[in-house]
Amino acid sequence: MGAHWNIGDIIFQLIAIMVVIFVIVIIAGFARSMKKQNERLHSIEEKLGKLLEKRHD
């Protein structure tokens, strides 16, 4: 009994933690990308609406 750690166990734990962090970063990046894309789409829709209004005036 005791706190006996094998170097393989430590490496495995570090890799497991890095994988979890990597997945979280990828999900956050994807969410940020989708938000920016949605904002750009909304901006384009507004500009198109203004152009169409000018055209009909």
Protein backbone atom coordinates (compact mmCIF):
# COMPACT_ATOMS: atom_id res chain seq x y z
CA MET A 1 0.00 0.00 0.00
CA GLY A 2 1.12 3.51 -0.60
CA ALA A 3 1.48 6.14 -3.25
CA HIS A 4 3.52 4.09 -5.68
CA TRP A 5 3.20 5.57 -9.19
CA ASN A 6 4.59 3.98 -12.26
CA ILE A 7 5.96 6.30 -14.99
CA GLY A 8 3.51 4.66 -17.42
CA ASP A 9 0.59 5.58 -15.15
CA ILE A 10 1.74 9.20 -15.00
CA ILE A 11 2.13 9.41 -18.79
CA PHE A 12 -1.31 7.82 -19.28
CA GLN A 13 -2.92 10.30 -16.88
CA LEU A 14 -1.26 13.27 -18.59
CA ILE A 15 -2.39 12.08 -22.03
CA ALA A 16 -5.94 11.49 -20.75
CA ILE A 17 -6.10 15.01 -19.27
CA MET A 18 -4.68 16.50 -22.49
CA VAL A 19 -7.32 14.69 -24.56
CA VAL A 20 -10.12 16.05 -22.36
CA ILE A 21 -8.70 19.59 -22.58
CA PHE A 22 -8.30 19.22 -26.35
CA VAL A 23 -11.94 18.17 -26.76
CA ILE A 24 -13.12 21.13 -24.66
CA VAL A 25 -11.00 23.55 -26.71
CA ILE A 26 -12.31 22.11 -29.99
CA ILE A 27 -15.93 22.43 -28.82
CA ALA A 28 -15.36 26.01 -27.62
CA GLY A 29 -13.69 26.93 -30.90
CA PHE A 30 -16.54 25.43 -32.88
CA ALA A 31 -19.12 27.32 -30.80
CA ARG A 32 -17.20 30.59 -31.26
CA SER A 33 -16.95 29.98 -35.00
CA MET A 34 -20.68 29.31 -35.28
CA LYS A 35 -21.45 32.51 -33.33
CA LYS A 36 -19.23 34.62 -35.60
CA GLN A 37 -20.76 33.03 -38.70
CA ASN A 38 -24.25 33.79 -37.39
CA GLU A 39 -23.27 37.42 -36.71
CA ARG A 40 -21.85 37.78 -40.25
CA LEU A 41 -25.00 36.28 -41.73
CA HIS A 42 -27.16 38.69 -39.76
CA SER A 43 -25.03 41.63 -40.93
CA ILE A 44 -25.33 40.53 -44.57
CA GLU A 45 -29.10 40.16 -44.19
CA GLU A 46 -29.36 43.71 -42.83
CA LYS A 47 -27.28 45.12 -45.69
CA LEU A 48 -29.34 43.23 -48.25
CA GLY A 49 -32.53 44.53 -46.66
CA LYS A 50 -31.28 48.12 -46.87
CA LEU A 51 -30.29 47.65 -50.54
CA LEU A 52 -33.69 46.23 -51.38
CA GLU A 53 -35.41 49.12 -49.61
CA LYS A 54 -33.35 51.67 -51.61
CA ARG A 55 -34.17 49.86 -54.81
CA HIS A 56 -37.91 50.04 -54.17
CA ASP A 57 -37.88 53.71 -53.17
